[in-house]
Amino acid sequence: MAESVVVVQRNGGGYVHGARVALGFSNGVTDSVYTDNDGEAVIEHLTTGHATVYVNGQDKGSMNAPARKLVFI
């Protein structure tokens, strides 16, 4: 199983605790994971490659999973 990390940060600075994060692949969307105190959500997934990053239900760009991505909200 692959693992990706999405870090969620506020535009004005500071990490976001409790943001709901999921990855969307061509064959479906992962289960949601919530960010910790450091703004990190560790998402386990079977599929690799192009994935759309969703934070609180909103499209926040894409990544080539598995990877680490910083997202601003």
PDB file of N, CA and C in Angstrom:
ATOM      1  N   MET A   1       0.848  -1.187   0.000  1.00  0.00           N
ATOM      2  CA  MET A   1       0.000   0.000   0.000  1.00  0.00           C
ATOM      3  C   MET A   1       0.882   1.235   0.000  1.00  0.00           C
ATOM      4  N   ALA A   2       0.552   2.196  -0.844  1.00  0.00           N
ATOM      5  CA  ALA A   2       1.294   3.453  -0.921  1.00  0.00           C
ATOM      6  C   ALA A   2       0.772   4.440   0.118  1.00  0.00           C
ATOM      7  N   GLU A   3       1.552   5.471   0.366  1.00  0.00           N
ATOM      8  CA  GLU A   3       1.192   6.461   1.371  1.00  0.00           C
ATOM      9  C   GLU A   3       1.588   7.845   0.865  1.00  0.00           C
ATOM     10  N   SER A   4       0.674   8.780   0.943  1.00  0.00           N
ATOM     11  CA  SER A   4       0.936  10.173   0.583  1.00  0.00           C
ATOM     12  C   SER A   4       0.630  11.062   1.780  1.00  0.00           C
ATOM     13  N   VAL A   5       1.307  12.205   1.826  1.00  0.00           N
ATOM     14  CA  VAL A   5       1.094  13.172   2.896  1.00  0.00           C
ATOM     15  C   VAL A   5       0.659  14.490   2.278  1.00  0.00           C
ATOM     16  N   VAL A   6      -0.446  15.023   2.773  1.00  0.00           N
ATOM     17  CA  VAL A   6      -0.915  16.347   2.369  1.00  0.00           C
ATOM     18  C   VAL A   6      -0.824  17.239   3.603  1.00  0.00           C
ATOM     19  N   VAL A   7      -0.119  18.364   3.448  1.00  0.00           N
ATOM     20  CA  VAL A   7       0.032  19.334   4.528  1.00  0.00           C
ATOM     21  C   VAL A   7      -0.843  20.530   4.185  1.00  0.00           C
ATOM     22  N   VAL A   8      -1.725  20.904   5.116  1.00  0.00           N
ATOM     23  CA  VAL A   8      -2.666  22.005   4.881  1.00  0.00           C
ATOM     24  C   VAL A   8      -2.261  23.196   5.743  1.00  0.00           C
ATOM     25  N   GLN A   9      -2.074  24.337   5.054  1.00  0.00           N
ATOM     26  CA  GLN A   9      -1.647  25.557   5.722  1.00  0.00           C
ATOM     27  C   GLN A   9      -2.580  26.694   5.338  1.00  0.00           C
ATOM     28  N   ARG A  10      -2.785  27.627   6.267  1.00  0.00           N
ATOM     29  CA  ARG A  10      -3.591  28.814   5.978  1.00  0.00           C
ATOM     30  C   ARG A  10      -2.797  29.759   5.081  1.00  0.00           C
ATOM     31  N   ASN A  11      -3.494  30.493   4.228  1.00  0.00           N
ATOM     32  CA  ASN A  11      -2.825  31.466   3.360  1.00  0.00           C
ATOM     33  C   ASN A  11      -2.010  32.469   4.163  1.00  0.00           C
ATOM     34  N   GLY A  12      -2.503  32.857   5.319  1.00  0.00           N
ATOM     35  CA  GLY A  12      -1.811  33.823   6.170  1.00  0.00           C
ATOM     36  C   GLY A  12      -0.746  33.208   7.058  1.00  0.00           C
ATOM     37  N   GLY A  13      -0.544  31.898   6.954  1.00  0.00           N
ATOM     38  CA  GLY A  13       0.428  31.210   7.797  1.00  0.00           C
ATOM     39  C   GLY A  13      -0.261  30.364   8.850  1.00  0.00           C
ATOM     40  N   GLY A  14       0.416  29.367   9.301  1.00  0.00           N
ATOM     41  CA  GLY A  14      -0.106  28.472  10.325  1.00  0.00           C
ATOM     42  C   GLY A  14      -0.762  27.246   9.724  1.00  0.00           C
ATOM     43  N   TYR A  15      -0.544  26.128  10.355  1.00  0.00           N
ATOM     44  CA  TYR A  15      -1.095  24.864   9.886  1.00  0.00           C
ATOM     45  C   TYR A  15      -2.531  24.688  10.342  1.00  0.00           C
ATOM     46  N   VAL A  16      -3.300  23.929   9.580  1.00  0.00           N
ATOM     47  CA  VAL A  16      -4.724  23.737   9.853  1.00  0.00           C
ATOM     48  C   VAL A  16      -4.938  22.358  10.470  1.00  0.00           C
ATOM     49  N   HIS A  17      -5.467  22.339  11.682  1.00  0.00           N
ATOM     50  CA  HIS A  17      -5.809  21.091  12.367  1.00  0.00           C
ATOM     51  C   HIS A  17      -7.258  20.742  12.063  1.00  0.00           C
ATOM     52  N   GLY A  18      -7.523  19.486  11.737  1.00  0.00           N
ATOM     53  CA  GLY A  18      -8.899  19.028  11.559  1.00  0.00           C
ATOM     54  C   GLY A  18      -9.471  19.223  10.162  1.00  0.00           C
ATOM     55  N   ALA A  19      -8.626  19.555   9.178  1.00  0.00           N
ATOM     56  CA  ALA A  19      -9.114  19.651   7.795  1.00  0.00           C
ATOM     57  C   ALA A  19      -9.334  18.241   7.249  1.00  0.00           C
ATOM     58  N   ARG A  20     -10.388  18.064   6.454  1.00  0.00           N
ATOM     59  CA  ARG A  20     -10.724  16.752   5.871  1.00  0.00           C
ATOM     60  C   ARG A  20     -10.058  16.645   4.505  1.00  0.00           C
ATOM     61  N   VAL A  21      -9.199  15.640   4.338  1.00  0.00           N
ATOM     62  CA  VAL A  21      -8.401  15.496   3.119  1.00  0.00           C
ATOM     63  C   VAL A  21      -8.664  14.134   2.480  1.00  0.00           C
ATOM     64  N   ALA A  22      -8.769  14.124   1.148  1.00  0.00           N
ATOM     65  CA  ALA A  22      -8.913  12.877   0.389  1.00  0.00           C
ATOM     66  C   ALA A  22      -8.205  13.045  -0.948  1.00  0.00           C
ATOM     67  N   LEU A  23      -7.858  11.920  -1.561  1.00  0.00           N
ATOM     68  CA  LEU A  23      -7.253  11.923  -2.895  1.00  0.00           C
ATOM     69  C   LEU A  23      -8.210  11.262  -3.870  1.00  0.00           C
ATOM     70  N   GLY A  24      -8.368  11.868  -5.026  1.00  0.00           N
ATOM     71  CA  GLY A  24      -9.228  11.307  -6.060  1.00  0.00           C
ATOM     72  C   GLY A  24      -8.392  10.739  -7.195  1.00  0.00           C
ATOM     73  N   PHE A  25      -8.577   9.464  -7.477  1.00  0.00           N
ATOM     74  CA  PHE A  25      -7.888   8.782  -8.572  1.00  0.00           C
ATOM     75  C   PHE A  25      -8.914   8.454  -9.656  1.00  0.00           C
ATOM     76  N   SER A  26      -8.444   7.979 -10.792  1.00  0.00           N
ATOM     77  CA  SER A  26      -9.353   7.666 -11.904  1.00  0.00           C
ATOM     78  C   SER A  26     -10.356   6.580 -11.535  1.00  0.00           C
ATOM     79  N   ASN A  27     -10.009   5.759 -10.542  1.00  0.00           N
ATOM     80  CA  ASN A  27     -10.902   4.663 -10.157  1.00  0.00           C
ATOM     81  C   ASN A  27     -11.661   4.929  -8.857  1.00  0.00           C
ATOM     82  N   GLY A  28     -11.610   6.150  -8.329  1.00  0.00           N
ATOM     83  CA  GLY A  28     -12.355   6.466  -7.121  1.00  0.00           C
ATOM     84  C   GLY A  28     -11.598   7.384  -6.189  1.00  0.00           C
ATOM     85  N   VAL A  29     -12.200   7.642  -5.045  1.00  0.00           N
ATOM     86  CA  VAL A  29     -11.657   8.566  -4.047  1.00  0.00           C
ATOM     87  C   VAL A  29     -11.317   7.795  -2.784  1.00  0.00           C
ATOM     88  N   THR A  30     -10.196   8.153  -2.159  1.00  0.00           N
ATOM     89  CA  THR A  30      -9.799   7.510  -0.909  1.00  0.00           C
ATOM     90  C   THR A  30     -10.754   7.886   0.224  1.00  0.00           C
ATOM     91  N   ASP A  31     -10.662   7.171   1.301  1.00  0.00           N
ATOM     92  CA  ASP A  31     -11.358   7.577   2.523  1.00  0.00           C
ATOM     93  C   ASP A  31     -10.758   8.902   2.987  1.00  0.00           C
ATOM     94  N   SER A  32     -11.557   9.713   3.636  1.00  0.00           N
ATOM     95  CA  SER A  32     -11.072  10.981   4.167  1.00  0.00           C
ATOM     96  C   SER A  32     -10.192  10.757   5.382  1.00  0.00           C
ATOM     97  N   VAL A  33      -9.191  11.612   5.514  1.00  0.00           N
ATOM     98  CA  VAL A  33      -8.290  11.616   6.665  1.00  0.00           C
ATOM     99  C   VAL A  33      -8.250  13.056   7.161  1.00  0.00           C
ATOM    100  N   TYR A  34      -8.175  13.244   8.479  1.00  0.00           N
ATOM    101  CA  TYR A  34      -8.150  14.590   9.046  1.00  0.00           C
ATOM    102  C   TYR A  34      -6.729  14.990   9.424  1.00  0.00           C
ATOM    103  N   THR A  35      -6.410  16.262   9.209  1.00  0.00           N
ATOM    104  CA  THR A  35      -5.067  16.738   9.519  1.00  0.00           C
ATOM    105  C   THR A  35      -4.834  16.785  11.027  1.00  0.00           C
ATOM    106  N   ASP A  36      -3.572  16.570  11.401  1.00  0.00           N
ATOM    107  CA  ASP A  36      -3.179  16.605  12.807  1.00  0.00           C
ATOM    108  C   ASP A  36      -2.771  18.037  13.193  1.00  0.00           C
ATOM    109  N   ASN A  37      -2.157  18.188  14.358  1.00  0.00           N
ATOM    110  CA  ASN A  37      -1.767  19.516  14.840  1.00  0.00           C
ATOM    111  C   ASN A  37      -0.724  20.194  13.951  1.00  0.00           C
ATOM    112  N   ASP A  38       0.007  19.407  13.166  1.00  0.00           N
ATOM    113  CA  ASP A  38       1.017  19.941  12.256  1.00  0.00           C
ATOM    114  C   ASP A  38       0.465  20.145  10.851  1.00  0.00           C
ATOM    115  N   GLY A  39      -0.860  20.023  10.695  1.00  0.00           N
ATOM    116  CA  GLY A  39      -1.494  20.212   9.403  1.00  0.00           C
ATOM    117  C   GLY A  39      -1.311  19.049   8.448  1.00  0.00           C
ATOM    118  N   GLU A  40      -0.820  17.906   8.934  1.00  0.00           N
ATOM    119  CA  GLU A  40      -0.529  16.762   8.076  1.00  0.00           C
ATOM    120  C   GLU A  40      -1.630  15.716   8.087  1.00  0.00           C
ATOM    121  N   ALA A  41      -1.966  15.251   6.880  1.00  0.00           N
ATOM    122  CA  ALA A  41      -2.886  14.126   6.715  1.00  0.00           C
ATOM    123  C   ALA A  41      -2.123  13.047   5.966  1.00  0.00           C
ATOM    124  N   VAL A  42      -1.984  11.872   6.578  1.00  0.00           N
ATOM    125  CA  VAL A  42      -1.303  10.744   5.948  1.00  0.00           C
ATOM    126  C   VAL A  42      -2.374   9.848   5.350  1.00  0.00           C
ATOM    127  N   ILE A  43      -2.348   9.701   4.035  1.00  0.00           N
ATOM    128  CA  ILE A  43      -3.392   8.978   3.316  1.00  0.00           C
ATOM    129  C   ILE A  43      -2.804   7.717   2.696  1.00  0.00           C
ATOM    130  N   GLU A  44      -3.357   6.575   3.056  1.00  0.00           N
ATOM    131  CA  GLU A  44      -2.949   5.313   2.447  1.00  0.00           C
ATOM    132  C   GLU A  44      -3.825   5.058   1.222  1.00  0.00           C
ATOM    133  N   HIS A  45      -3.206   4.548   0.140  1.00  0.00           N
ATOM    134  CA  HIS A  45      -3.963   4.305  -1.095  1.00  0.00           C
ATOM    135  C   HIS A  45      -3.323   3.171  -1.879  1.00  0.00           C
ATOM    136  N   LEU A  46      -4.162   2.439  -2.613  1.00  0.00           N
ATOM    137  CA  LEU A  46      -3.696   1.342  -3.453  1.00  0.00           C
ATOM    138  C   LEU A  46      -3.254   1.828  -4.824  1.00  0.00           C
ATOM    139  N   THR A  47      -3.955   2.820  -5.364  1.00  0.00           N
ATOM    140  CA  THR A  47      -3.657   3.352  -6.684  1.00  0.00           C
ATOM    141  C   THR A  47      -2.528   4.366  -6.585  1.00  0.00           C
ATOM    142  N   THR A  48      -1.686   4.434  -7.618  1.00  0.00           N
ATOM    143  CA  THR A  48      -0.637   5.448  -7.683  1.00  0.00           C
ATOM    144  C   THR A  48      -0.810   6.247  -8.972  1.00  0.00           C
ATOM    145  N   GLY A  49      -0.099   7.368  -9.052  1.00  0.00           N
ATOM    146  CA  GLY A  49      -0.179   8.208 -10.243  1.00  0.00           C
ATOM    147  C   GLY A  49      -0.957   9.480  -9.976  1.00  0.00           C
ATOM    148  N   HIS A  50      -1.543  10.034 -11.036  1.00  0.00           N
ATOM    149  CA  HIS A  50      -2.242  11.315 -10.944  1.00  0.00           C
ATOM    150  C   HIS A  50      -3.406  11.247  -9.962  1.00  0.00           C
ATOM    151  N   ALA A  51      -3.425  12.199  -9.031  1.00  0.00           N
ATOM    152  CA  ALA A  51      -4.509  12.266  -8.044  1.00  0.00           C
ATOM    153  C   ALA A  51      -4.904  13.717  -7.820  1.00  0.00           C
ATOM    154  N   THR A  52      -6.193  13.948  -7.684  1.00  0.00           N
ATOM    155  CA  THR A  52      -6.714  15.258  -7.309  1.00  0.00           C
ATOM    156  C   THR A  52      -6.752  15.330  -5.793  1.00  0.00           C
ATOM    157  N   VAL A  53      -6.312  16.443  -5.233  1.00  0.00           N
ATOM    158  CA  VAL A  53      -6.294  16.641  -3.784  1.00  0.00           C
ATOM    159  C   VAL A  53      -7.542  17.413  -3.379  1.00  0.00           C
ATOM    160  N   TYR A  54      -8.314  16.830  -2.468  1.00  0.00           N
ATOM    161  CA  TYR A  54      -9.517  17.478  -1.956  1.00  0.00           C
ATOM    162  C   TYR A  54      -9.311  17.831  -0.486  1.00  0.00           C
ATOM    163  N   VAL A  55      -9.599  19.091  -0.144  1.00  0.00           N
ATOM    164  CA  VAL A  55      -9.541  19.548   1.247  1.00  0.00           C
ATOM    165  C   VAL A  55     -10.902  20.137   1.580  1.00  0.00           C
ATOM    166  N   ASN A  56     -11.543  19.557   2.573  1.00  0.00           N
ATOM    167  CA  ASN A  56     -12.892  19.970   2.973  1.00  0.00           C
ATOM    168  C   ASN A  56     -13.844  19.990   1.771  1.00  0.00           C
ATOM    169  N   GLY A  57     -13.665  19.020   0.888  1.00  0.00           N
ATOM    170  CA  GLY A  57     -14.541  18.856  -0.259  1.00  0.00           C
ATOM    171  C   GLY A  57     -14.202  19.704  -1.469  1.00  0.00           C
ATOM    172  N   GLN A  58     -13.183  20.552  -1.368  1.00  0.00           N
ATOM    173  CA  GLN A  58     -12.818  21.436  -2.469  1.00  0.00           C
ATOM    174  C   GLN A  58     -11.553  20.946  -3.177  1.00  0.00           C
ATOM    175  N   ASP A  59     -11.555  21.031  -4.497  1.00  0.00           N
ATOM    176  CA  ASP A  59     -10.403  20.666  -5.319  1.00  0.00           C
ATOM    177  C   ASP A  59      -9.267  21.653  -5.047  1.00  0.00           C
ATOM    178  N   LYS A  60      -8.126  21.134  -4.601  1.00  0.00           N
ATOM    179  CA  LYS A  60      -6.963  21.977  -4.289  1.00  0.00           C
ATOM    180  C   LYS A  60      -5.757  21.626  -5.148  1.00  0.00           C
ATOM    181  N   GLY A  61      -6.011  21.133  -6.356  1.00  0.00           N
ATOM    182  CA  GLY A  61      -4.914  20.828  -7.255  1.00  0.00           C
ATOM    183  C   GLY A  61      -4.668  19.335  -7.351  1.00  0.00           C
ATOM    184  N   SER A  62      -3.544  18.991  -7.945  1.00  0.00           N
ATOM    185  CA  SER A  62      -3.245  17.575  -8.152  1.00  0.00           C
ATOM    186  C   SER A  62      -1.818  17.262  -7.740  1.00  0.00           C
ATOM    187  N   MET A  63      -1.526  15.976  -7.700  1.00  0.00           N
ATOM    188  CA  MET A  63      -0.197  15.491  -7.360  1.00  0.00           C
ATOM    189  C   MET A  63       0.018  14.153  -8.040  1.00  0.00           C
ATOM    190  N   ASN A  64       1.261  13.727  -8.119  1.00  0.00           N
ATOM    191  CA  ASN A  64       1.597  12.414  -8.651  1.00  0.00           C
ATOM    192  C   ASN A  64       1.887  11.517  -7.450  1.00  0.00           C
ATOM    193  N   ALA A  65       0.896  10.778  -6.997  1.00  0.00           N
ATOM    194  CA  ALA A  65       0.982   9.997  -5.759  1.00  0.00           C
ATOM    195  C   ALA A  65       1.702   8.670  -5.994  1.00  0.00           C
ATOM    196  N   PRO A  66       2.460   8.191  -5.032  1.00  0.00           N
ATOM    197  CA  PRO A  66       2.628   8.751  -3.688  1.00  0.00           C
ATOM    198  C   PRO A  66       3.590   9.938  -3.679  1.00  0.00           C
ATOM    199  N   ALA A  67       3.279  10.884  -2.819  1.00  0.00           N
ATOM    200  CA  ALA A  67       4.088  12.099  -2.712  1.00  0.00           C
ATOM    201  C   ALA A  67       3.694  12.861  -1.459  1.00  0.00           C
ATOM    202  N   ARG A  68       4.357  14.001  -1.296  1.00  0.00           N
ATOM    203  CA  ARG A  68       4.037  14.945  -0.224  1.00  0.00           C
ATOM    204  C   ARG A  68       3.650  16.245  -0.905  1.00  0.00           C
ATOM    205  N   LYS A  69       2.556  16.860  -0.480  1.00  0.00           N
ATOM    206  CA  LYS A  69       2.092  18.096  -1.108  1.00  0.00           C
ATOM    207  C   LYS A  69       1.650  19.095  -0.050  1.00  0.00           C
ATOM    208  N   LEU A  70       2.052  20.346  -0.245  1.00  0.00           N
ATOM    209  CA  LEU A  70       1.615  21.440   0.598  1.00  0.00           C
ATOM    210  C   LEU A  70       0.452  22.135  -0.092  1.00  0.00           C
ATOM    211  N   VAL A  71      -0.648  22.332   0.641  1.00  0.00           N
ATOM    212  CA  VAL A  71      -1.855  22.955   0.106  1.00  0.00           C
ATOM    213  C   VAL A  71      -2.216  24.147   0.982  1.00  0.00           C
ATOM    214  N   PHE A  72      -2.591  25.251   0.352  1.00  0.00           N
ATOM    215  CA  PHE A  72      -3.006  26.450   1.093  1.00  0.00           C
ATOM    216  C   PHE A  72      -4.516  26.636   0.982  1.00  0.00           C
ATOM    217  N   ILE A  73      -5.125  26.996   2.104  1.00  0.00           N
ATOM    218  CA  ILE A  73      -6.570  27.271   2.096  1.00  0.00           C
ATOM    219  C   ILE A  73      -6.814  28.645   2.694  1.00  0.00           C
TER     220      ILE A  73
END
